[in-house]
């Protein structure tokens, strides 16, 4: 399972068995399709995260809290926002 931990404390888990597509965009967005649901992860320096997702080695994606980005090194991964769109919403 891939856990998405949102800044408000919510955790959503998605099974890798339903992961059918992963797309990385140069604007540092990762889009993942789990069955009929789509998850988008936006942030900074996300290419390495994309690689570990496609290798099914990522266990947790954690949204960063406001102001946290400035405390990380410039080359560190930072997830600003996660969007979950259920099949009906697409």
PDB file of N, CA and C in Angstrom:
ATOM      1  N   UNK A   1       0.837  -1.187   0.000  1.00  0.00           N
ATOM      2  CA  UNK A   1       0.000   0.000   0.000  1.00  0.00           C
ATOM      3  C   UNK A   1       0.880   1.248   0.000  1.00  0.00           C
ATOM      4  N   UNK A   2       0.358   2.297  -0.612  1.00  0.00           N
ATOM      5  CA  UNK A   2       1.006   3.600  -0.614  1.00  0.00           C
ATOM      6  C   UNK A   2       0.149   4.521   0.243  1.00  0.00           C
ATOM      7  N   UNK A   3       0.717   5.026   1.339  1.00  0.00           N
ATOM      8  CA  UNK A   3      -0.003   5.934   2.237  1.00  0.00           C
ATOM      9  C   UNK A   3       0.227   7.375   1.822  1.00  0.00           C
ATOM     10  N   UNK A   4      -0.851   8.132   1.725  1.00  0.00           N
ATOM     11  CA  UNK A   4      -0.786   9.565   1.502  1.00  0.00           C
ATOM     12  C   UNK A   4      -1.173  10.232   2.809  1.00  0.00           C
ATOM     13  N   UNK A   5      -0.221  10.917   3.420  1.00  0.00           N
ATOM     14  CA  UNK A   5      -0.462  11.581   4.698  1.00  0.00           C
ATOM     15  C   UNK A   5      -0.625  13.069   4.444  1.00  0.00           C
ATOM     16  N   UNK A   6      -1.835  13.542   4.678  1.00  0.00           N
ATOM     17  CA  UNK A   6      -2.148  14.941   4.418  1.00  0.00           C
ATOM     18  C   UNK A   6      -1.810  15.794   5.625  1.00  0.00           C
ATOM     19  N   UNK A   7      -1.612  17.067   5.383  1.00  0.00           N
ATOM     20  CA  UNK A   7      -1.183  17.980   6.444  1.00  0.00           C
ATOM     21  C   UNK A   7      -2.217  18.069   7.574  1.00  0.00           C
ATOM     22  N   UNK A   8      -3.492  17.773   7.282  1.00  0.00           N
ATOM     23  CA  UNK A   8      -4.533  17.845   8.325  1.00  0.00           C
ATOM     24  C   UNK A   8      -4.613  16.579   9.178  1.00  0.00           C
ATOM     25  N   UNK A   9      -3.720  15.606   8.903  1.00  0.00           N
ATOM     26  CA  UNK A   9      -3.703  14.369   9.686  1.00  0.00           C
ATOM     27  C   UNK A   9      -4.416  13.200   9.025  1.00  0.00           C
ATOM     28  N   UNK A  10      -5.142  13.457   7.943  1.00  0.00           N
ATOM     29  CA  UNK A  10      -5.827  12.399   7.207  1.00  0.00           C
ATOM     30  C   UNK A  10      -4.803  11.509   6.512  1.00  0.00           C
ATOM     31  N   UNK A  11      -5.062  10.202   6.522  1.00  0.00           N
ATOM     32  CA  UNK A  11      -4.215   9.252   5.794  1.00  0.00           C
ATOM     33  C   UNK A  11      -5.110   8.452   4.856  1.00  0.00           C
ATOM     34  N   UNK A  12      -4.748   8.433   3.592  1.00  0.00           N
ATOM     35  CA  UNK A  12      -5.432   7.619   2.579  1.00  0.00           C
ATOM     36  C   UNK A  12      -4.422   6.602   2.083  1.00  0.00           C
ATOM     37  N   UNK A  13      -4.836   5.364   1.942  1.00  0.00           N
ATOM     38  CA  UNK A  13      -3.943   4.312   1.461  1.00  0.00           C
ATOM     39  C   UNK A  13      -4.472   3.749   0.146  1.00  0.00           C
ATOM     40  N   UNK A  14      -3.557   3.524  -0.793  1.00  0.00           N
ATOM     41  CA  UNK A  14      -3.896   2.979  -2.093  1.00  0.00           C
ATOM     42  C   UNK A  14      -3.030   1.748  -2.350  1.00  0.00           C
ATOM     43  N   UNK A  15      -3.630   0.656  -2.844  1.00  0.00           N
ATOM     44  CA  UNK A  15      -2.855  -0.549  -3.109  1.00  0.00           C
ATOM     45  C   UNK A  15      -2.070  -0.435  -4.414  1.00  0.00           C
ATOM     46  N   UNK A  16      -0.805  -0.796  -4.360  1.00  0.00           N
ATOM     47  CA  UNK A  16       0.016  -0.786  -5.569  1.00  0.00           C
ATOM     48  C   UNK A  16      -0.571  -1.706  -6.643  1.00  0.00           C
ATOM     49  N   UNK A  17      -1.317  -2.727  -6.246  1.00  0.00           N
ATOM     50  CA  UNK A  17      -1.907  -3.654  -7.221  1.00  0.00           C
ATOM     51  C   UNK A  17      -2.842  -2.931  -8.188  1.00  0.00           C
ATOM     52  N   UNK A  18      -3.423  -1.797  -7.770  1.00  0.00           N
ATOM     53  CA  UNK A  18      -4.339  -1.036  -8.627  1.00  0.00           C
ATOM     54  C   UNK A  18      -3.661   0.125  -9.336  1.00  0.00           C
ATOM     55  N   UNK A  19      -2.363   0.306  -9.130  1.00  0.00           N
ATOM     56  CA  UNK A  19      -1.630   1.386  -9.789  1.00  0.00           C
ATOM     57  C   UNK A  19      -1.373   0.992 -11.240  1.00  0.00           C
ATOM     58  N   UNK A  20      -2.040   1.692 -12.168  1.00  0.00           N
ATOM     59  CA  UNK A  20      -1.936   1.334 -13.581  1.00  0.00           C
ATOM     60  C   UNK A  20      -1.156   2.351 -14.398  1.00  0.00           C
ATOM     61  N   UNK A  21      -0.957   3.548 -13.852  1.00  0.00           N
ATOM     62  CA  UNK A  21      -0.252   4.578 -14.621  1.00  0.00           C
ATOM     63  C   UNK A  21       0.338   5.615 -13.676  1.00  0.00           C
ATOM     64  N   UNK A  22       1.566   6.058 -13.998  1.00  0.00           N
ATOM     65  CA  UNK A  22       2.218   7.127 -13.244  1.00  0.00           C
ATOM     66  C   UNK A  22       2.822   8.091 -14.259  1.00  0.00           C
ATOM     67  N   UNK A  23       2.565   9.386 -14.072  1.00  0.00           N
ATOM     68  CA  UNK A  23       3.091  10.392 -14.993  1.00  0.00           C
ATOM     69  C   UNK A  23       3.806  11.487 -14.204  1.00  0.00           C
ATOM     70  N   UNK A  24       5.025  11.819 -14.626  1.00  0.00           N
ATOM     71  CA  UNK A  24       5.766  12.933 -14.045  1.00  0.00           C
ATOM     72  C   UNK A  24       5.738  14.079 -15.039  1.00  0.00           C
ATOM     73  N   UNK A  25       5.383  15.279 -14.579  1.00  0.00           N
ATOM     74  CA  UNK A  25       5.406  16.476 -15.416  1.00  0.00           C
ATOM     75  C   UNK A  25       6.541  17.368 -14.953  1.00  0.00           C
ATOM     76  N   UNK A  26       7.184  18.076 -15.885  1.00  0.00           N
ATOM     77  CA  UNK A  26       8.323  18.936 -15.531  1.00  0.00           C
ATOM     78  C   UNK A  26       7.987  20.050 -14.537  1.00  0.00           C
ATOM     79  N   UNK A  27       6.715  20.339 -14.339  1.00  0.00           N
ATOM     80  CA  UNK A  27       6.337  21.343 -13.336  1.00  0.00           C
ATOM     81  C   UNK A  27       6.313  20.745 -11.934  1.00  0.00           C
ATOM     82  N   UNK A  28       6.946  19.578 -11.773  1.00  0.00           N
ATOM     83  CA  UNK A  28       7.011  18.851 -10.495  1.00  0.00           C
ATOM     84  C   UNK A  28       5.634  18.422 -10.006  1.00  0.00           C
ATOM     85  N   UNK A  29       4.922  17.739 -10.904  1.00  0.00           N
ATOM     86  CA  UNK A  29       3.641  17.121 -10.572  1.00  0.00           C
ATOM     87  C   UNK A  29       3.718  15.645 -10.933  1.00  0.00           C
ATOM     88  N   UNK A  30       3.247  14.811 -10.029  1.00  0.00           N
ATOM     89  CA  UNK A  30       3.140  13.376 -10.279  1.00  0.00           C
ATOM     90  C   UNK A  30       1.658  13.030 -10.287  1.00  0.00           C
ATOM     91  N   UNK A  31       1.199  12.375 -11.352  1.00  0.00           N
ATOM     92  CA  UNK A  31      -0.188  11.918 -11.433  1.00  0.00           C
ATOM     93  C   UNK A  31      -0.173  10.395 -11.425  1.00  0.00           C
ATOM     94  N   UNK A  32      -0.993   9.804 -10.560  1.00  0.00           N
ATOM     95  CA  UNK A  32      -1.065   8.346 -10.433  1.00  0.00           C
ATOM     96  C   UNK A  32      -2.506   7.907 -10.604  1.00  0.00           C
ATOM     97  N   UNK A  33      -2.701   6.819 -11.327  1.00  0.00           N
ATOM     98  CA  UNK A  33      -4.036   6.265 -11.532  1.00  0.00           C
ATOM     99  C   UNK A  33      -4.131   4.950 -10.775  1.00  0.00           C
ATOM    100  N   UNK A  34      -5.074   4.896  -9.827  1.00  0.00           N
ATOM    101  CA  UNK A  34      -5.364   3.685  -9.061  1.00  0.00           C
ATOM    102  C   UNK A  34      -6.786   3.271  -9.422  1.00  0.00           C
ATOM    103  N   UNK A  35      -6.927   2.338 -10.348  1.00  0.00           N
ATOM    104  CA  UNK A  35      -8.265   1.969 -10.799  1.00  0.00           C
ATOM    105  C   UNK A  35      -8.940   3.183 -11.408  1.00  0.00           C
ATOM    106  N   UNK A  36     -10.093   3.572 -10.856  1.00  0.00           N
ATOM    107  CA  UNK A  36     -10.826   4.740 -11.360  1.00  0.00           C
ATOM    108  C   UNK A  36     -10.418   6.034 -10.662  1.00  0.00           C
ATOM    109  N   UNK A  37      -9.600   5.943  -9.639  1.00  0.00           N
ATOM    110  CA  UNK A  37      -9.201   7.126  -8.874  1.00  0.00           C
ATOM    111  C   UNK A  37      -7.879   7.687  -9.393  1.00  0.00           C
ATOM    112  N   UNK A  38      -7.730   9.002  -9.272  1.00  0.00           N
ATOM    113  CA  UNK A  38      -6.473   9.638  -9.639  1.00  0.00           C
ATOM    114  C   UNK A  38      -5.945  10.433  -8.458  1.00  0.00           C
ATOM    115  N   UNK A  39      -4.639  10.345  -8.259  1.00  0.00           N
ATOM    116  CA  UNK A  39      -3.959  11.090  -7.201  1.00  0.00           C
ATOM    117  C   UNK A  39      -2.930  11.985  -7.868  1.00  0.00           C
ATOM    118  N   UNK A  40      -2.908  13.253  -7.481  1.00  0.00           N
ATOM    119  CA  UNK A  40      -1.889  14.180  -7.980  1.00  0.00           C
ATOM    120  C   UNK A  40      -1.090  14.699  -6.794  1.00  0.00           C
ATOM    121  N   UNK A  41       0.224  14.680  -6.969  1.00  0.00           N
ATOM    122  CA  UNK A  41       1.146  15.161  -5.946  1.00  0.00           C
ATOM    123  C   UNK A  41       1.929  16.309  -6.569  1.00  0.00           C
ATOM    124  N   UNK A  42       1.888  17.478  -5.938  1.00  0.00           N
ATOM    125  CA  UNK A  42       2.587  18.654  -6.442  1.00  0.00           C
ATOM    126  C   UNK A  42       3.596  19.124  -5.418  1.00  0.00           C
ATOM    127  N   UNK A  43       4.749  19.582  -5.899  1.00  0.00           N
ATOM    128  CA  UNK A  43       5.757  20.041  -4.962  1.00  0.00           C
ATOM    129  C   UNK A  43       7.029  20.456  -5.646  1.00  0.00           C
ATOM    130  N   UNK A  44       8.148  20.074  -5.035  1.00  0.00           N
ATOM    131  CA  UNK A  44       9.478  20.476  -5.497  1.00  0.00           C
ATOM    132  C   UNK A  44      10.397  19.261  -5.474  1.00  0.00           C
ATOM    133  N   UNK A  45      11.215  19.126  -6.525  1.00  0.00           N
ATOM    134  CA  UNK A  45      12.199  18.036  -6.610  1.00  0.00           C
ATOM    135  C   UNK A  45      11.543  16.653  -6.504  1.00  0.00           C
ATOM    136  N   UNK A  46      10.486  16.431  -7.260  1.00  0.00           N
ATOM    137  CA  UNK A  46       9.706  15.199  -7.126  1.00  0.00           C
ATOM    138  C   UNK A  46      10.152  14.064  -8.043  1.00  0.00           C
ATOM    139  N   UNK A  47      11.151  14.286  -8.900  1.00  0.00           N
ATOM    140  CA  UNK A  47      11.520  13.231  -9.845  1.00  0.00           C
ATOM    141  C   UNK A  47      11.985  11.950  -9.140  1.00  0.00           C
ATOM    142  N   UNK A  48      12.795  12.075  -8.118  1.00  0.00           N
ATOM    143  CA  UNK A  48      13.252  10.867  -7.395  1.00  0.00           C
ATOM    144  C   UNK A  48      12.069  10.146  -6.748  1.00  0.00           C
ATOM    145  N   UNK A  49      11.100  10.892  -6.224  1.00  0.00           N
ATOM    146  CA  UNK A  49       9.885  10.281  -5.676  1.00  0.00           C
ATOM    147  C   UNK A  49       9.148   9.516  -6.772  1.00  0.00           C
ATOM    148  N   UNK A  50       9.046  10.098  -7.956  1.00  0.00           N
ATOM    149  CA  UNK A  50       8.433   9.432  -9.107  1.00  0.00           C
ATOM    150  C   UNK A  50       9.117   8.089  -9.380  1.00  0.00           C
ATOM    151  N   UNK A  51      10.445   8.097  -9.382  1.00  0.00           N
ATOM    152  CA  UNK A  51      11.189   6.858  -9.635  1.00  0.00           C
ATOM    153  C   UNK A  51      10.885   5.790  -8.591  1.00  0.00           C
ATOM    154  N   UNK A  52      10.858   6.165  -7.327  1.00  0.00           N
ATOM    155  CA  UNK A  52      10.607   5.156  -6.289  1.00  0.00           C
ATOM    156  C   UNK A  52       9.154   4.674  -6.307  1.00  0.00           C
ATOM    157  N   UNK A  53       8.229   5.521  -6.752  1.00  0.00           N
ATOM    158  CA  UNK A  53       6.838   5.070  -6.907  1.00  0.00           C
ATOM    159  C   UNK A  53       6.763   4.032  -8.013  1.00  0.00           C
ATOM    160  N   UNK A  54       7.405   4.306  -9.159  1.00  0.00           N
ATOM    161  CA  UNK A  54       7.337   3.352 -10.270  1.00  0.00           C
ATOM    162  C   UNK A  54       8.044   2.041  -9.940  1.00  0.00           C
ATOM    163  N   UNK A  55       8.975   2.084  -9.006  1.00  0.00           N
ATOM    164  CA  UNK A  55       9.646   0.871  -8.532  1.00  0.00           C
ATOM    165  C   UNK A  55       8.863   0.205  -7.397  1.00  0.00           C
ATOM    166  N   UNK A  56       7.743   0.810  -7.008  1.00  0.00           N
ATOM    167  CA  UNK A  56       6.884   0.351  -5.913  1.00  0.00           C
ATOM    168  C   UNK A  56       7.657   0.248  -4.604  1.00  0.00           C
ATOM    169  N   UNK A  57       8.527   1.229  -4.351  1.00  0.00           N
ATOM    170  CA  UNK A  57       9.321   1.250  -3.124  1.00  0.00           C
ATOM    171  C   UNK A  57       8.926   2.387  -2.193  1.00  0.00           C
ATOM    172  N   UNK A  58       8.049   3.277  -2.629  1.00  0.00           N
ATOM    173  CA  UNK A  58       7.605   4.358  -1.757  1.00  0.00           C
ATOM    174  C   UNK A  58       6.514   3.823  -0.850  1.00  0.00           C
ATOM    175  N   UNK A  59       6.642   4.027   0.423  1.00  0.00           N
ATOM    176  CA  UNK A  59       5.636   3.574   1.397  1.00  0.00           C
ATOM    177  C   UNK A  59       4.727   4.727   1.799  1.00  0.00           C
ATOM    178  N   UNK A  60       5.303   5.934   1.948  1.00  0.00           N
ATOM    179  CA  UNK A  60       4.553   7.090   2.466  1.00  0.00           C
ATOM    180  C   UNK A  60       4.890   8.322   1.644  1.00  0.00           C
ATOM    181  N   UNK A  61       3.853   9.090   1.315  1.00  0.00           N
ATOM    182  CA  UNK A  61       4.023  10.433   0.755  1.00  0.00           C
ATOM    183  C   UNK A  61       3.401  11.385   1.766  1.00  0.00           C
ATOM    184  N   UNK A  62       4.219  12.280   2.300  1.00  0.00           N
ATOM    185  CA  UNK A  62       3.794  13.194   3.370  1.00  0.00           C
ATOM    186  C   UNK A  62       3.741  14.620   2.847  1.00  0.00           C
ATOM    187  N   UNK A  63       2.560  15.252   2.955  1.00  0.00           N
ATOM    188  CA  UNK A  63       2.459  16.676   2.624  1.00  0.00           C
ATOM    189  C   UNK A  63       3.250  17.479   3.645  1.00  0.00           C
ATOM    190  N   UNK A  64       3.932  18.499   3.168  1.00  0.00           N
ATOM    191  CA  UNK A  64       4.676  19.371   4.068  1.00  0.00           C
ATOM    192  C   UNK A  64       3.778  20.457   4.640  1.00  0.00           C
ATOM    193  N   UNK A  65       4.055  20.850   5.858  1.00  0.00           N
ATOM    194  CA  UNK A  65       3.307  21.930   6.490  1.00  0.00           C
ATOM    195  C   UNK A  65       3.766  23.272   5.919  1.00  0.00           C
ATOM    196  N   UNK A  66       2.900  24.271   6.007  1.00  0.00           N
ATOM    197  CA  UNK A  66       3.241  25.600   5.523  1.00  0.00           C
ATOM    198  C   UNK A  66       4.493  26.101   6.251  1.00  0.00           C
ATOM    199  N   UNK A  67       5.423  26.653   5.513  1.00  0.00           N
ATOM    200  CA  UNK A  67       6.651  27.160   6.104  1.00  0.00           C
ATOM    201  C   UNK A  67       7.750  26.129   6.223  1.00  0.00           C
ATOM    202  N   UNK A  68       7.420  24.861   6.071  1.00  0.00           N
ATOM    203  CA  UNK A  68       8.395  23.788   6.197  1.00  0.00           C
ATOM    204  C   UNK A  68       9.362  23.746   5.013  1.00  0.00           C
ATOM    205  N   UNK A  69       8.876  24.140   3.835  1.00  0.00           N
ATOM    206  CA  UNK A  69       9.692  24.071   2.625  1.00  0.00           C
ATOM    207  C   UNK A  69      10.993  24.861   2.772  1.00  0.00           C
ATOM    208  N   UNK A  70      10.937  26.031   3.387  1.00  0.00           N
ATOM    209  CA  UNK A  70      12.113  26.862   3.554  1.00  0.00           C
ATOM    210  C   UNK A  70      13.156  26.279   4.491  1.00  0.00           C
ATOM    211  N   UNK A  71      12.775  25.300   5.295  1.00  0.00           N
ATOM    212  CA  UNK A  71      13.699  24.676   6.237  1.00  0.00           C
ATOM    213  C   UNK A  71      14.473  23.512   5.627  1.00  0.00           C
ATOM    214  N   UNK A  72      14.046  23.068   4.444  1.00  0.00           N
ATOM    215  CA  UNK A  72      14.678  21.922   3.798  1.00  0.00           C
ATOM    216  C   UNK A  72      15.790  22.396   2.868  1.00  0.00           C
ATOM    217  N   UNK A  73      16.786  21.551   2.627  1.00  0.00           N
ATOM    218  CA  UNK A  73      17.814  21.885   1.633  1.00  0.00           C
ATOM    219  C   UNK A  73      17.178  22.113   0.257  1.00  0.00           C
ATOM    220  N   UNK A  74      17.814  22.889  -0.571  1.00  0.00           N
ATOM    221  CA  UNK A  74      17.264  23.239  -1.888  1.00  0.00           C
ATOM    222  C   UNK A  74      17.004  22.018  -2.764  1.00  0.00           C
ATOM    223  N   UNK A  75      17.756  20.932  -2.578  1.00  0.00           N
ATOM    224  CA  UNK A  75      17.577  19.748  -3.416  1.00  0.00           C
ATOM    225  C   UNK A  75      16.682  18.682  -2.780  1.00  0.00           C
ATOM    226  N   UNK A  76      16.066  18.978  -1.646  1.00  0.00           N
ATOM    227  CA  UNK A  76      15.215  18.008  -0.944  1.00  0.00           C
ATOM    228  C   UNK A  76      13.823  17.937  -1.580  1.00  0.00           C
ATOM    229  N   UNK A  77      13.218  16.771  -1.505  1.00  0.00           N
ATOM    230  CA  UNK A  77      11.836  16.593  -1.949  1.00  0.00           C
ATOM    231  C   UNK A  77      10.919  17.342  -0.992  1.00  0.00           C
ATOM    232  N   UNK A  78       9.952  18.074  -1.559  1.00  0.00           N
ATOM    233  CA  UNK A  78       8.946  18.736  -0.731  1.00  0.00           C
ATOM    234  C   UNK A  78       7.598  18.602  -1.427  1.00  0.00           C
ATOM    235  N   UNK A  79       6.617  18.021  -0.746  1.00  0.00           N
ATOM    236  CA  UNK A  79       5.265  17.874  -1.270  1.00  0.00           C
ATOM    237  C   UNK A  79       4.419  19.016  -0.716  1.00  0.00           C
ATOM    238  N   UNK A  80       3.993  19.890  -1.619  1.00  0.00           N
ATOM    239  CA  UNK A  80       3.171  21.042  -1.218  1.00  0.00           C
ATOM    240  C   UNK A  80       1.696  20.673  -1.081  1.00  0.00           C
ATOM    241  N   UNK A  81       1.223  19.837  -2.032  1.00  0.00           N
ATOM    242  CA  UNK A  81      -0.212  19.552  -2.058  1.00  0.00           C
ATOM    243  C   UNK A  81      -0.452  18.182  -2.676  1.00  0.00           C
ATOM    244  N   UNK A  82      -1.482  17.517  -2.185  1.00  0.00           N
ATOM    245  CA  UNK A  82      -1.917  16.232  -2.724  1.00  0.00           C
ATOM    246  C   UNK A  82      -3.406  16.341  -3.026  1.00  0.00           C
ATOM    247  N   UNK A  83      -3.792  15.946  -4.221  1.00  0.00           N
ATOM    248  CA  UNK A  83      -5.204  15.945  -4.611  1.00  0.00           C
ATOM    249  C   UNK A  83      -5.633  14.516  -4.904  1.00  0.00           C
ATOM    250  N   UNK A  84      -6.776  14.135  -4.360  1.00  0.00           N
ATOM    251  CA  UNK A  84      -7.340  12.803  -4.598  1.00  0.00           C
ATOM    252  C   UNK A  84      -8.687  12.994  -5.278  1.00  0.00           C
ATOM    253  N   UNK A  85      -8.801  12.457  -6.494  1.00  0.00           N
ATOM    254  CA  UNK A  85     -10.052  12.561  -7.231  1.00  0.00           C
ATOM    255  C   UNK A  85     -10.630  11.165  -7.413  1.00  0.00           C
ATOM    256  N   UNK A  86     -11.764  10.949  -6.819  1.00  0.00           N
ATOM    257  CA  UNK A  86     -12.395   9.643  -6.939  1.00  0.00           C
ATOM    258  C   UNK A  86     -13.027   9.505  -8.308  1.00  0.00           C
ATOM    259  N   UNK A  87     -13.194   8.277  -8.766  1.00  0.00           N
ATOM    260  CA  UNK A  87     -13.687   7.981 -10.113  1.00  0.00           C
ATOM    261  C   UNK A  87     -14.842   8.825 -10.576  1.00  0.00           C
ATOM    262  N   UNK A  88     -15.785   9.107  -9.728  1.00  0.00           N
ATOM    263  CA  UNK A  88     -16.971   9.890 -10.109  1.00  0.00           C
ATOM    264  C   UNK A  88     -16.618  11.348 -10.402  1.00  0.00           C
ATOM    265  N   UNK A  89     -15.532  11.844  -9.795  1.00  0.00           N
ATOM    266  CA  UNK A  89     -15.160  13.251  -9.929  1.00  0.00           C
ATOM    267  C   UNK A  89     -14.391  13.537 -11.210  1.00  0.00           C
ATOM    268  N   UNK A  90     -13.841  12.504 -11.839  1.00  0.00           N
ATOM    269  CA  UNK A  90     -12.986  12.698 -13.017  1.00  0.00           C
ATOM    270  C   UNK A  90     -13.748  13.095 -14.236  1.00  0.00           C
TER     271      UNK A  90
END
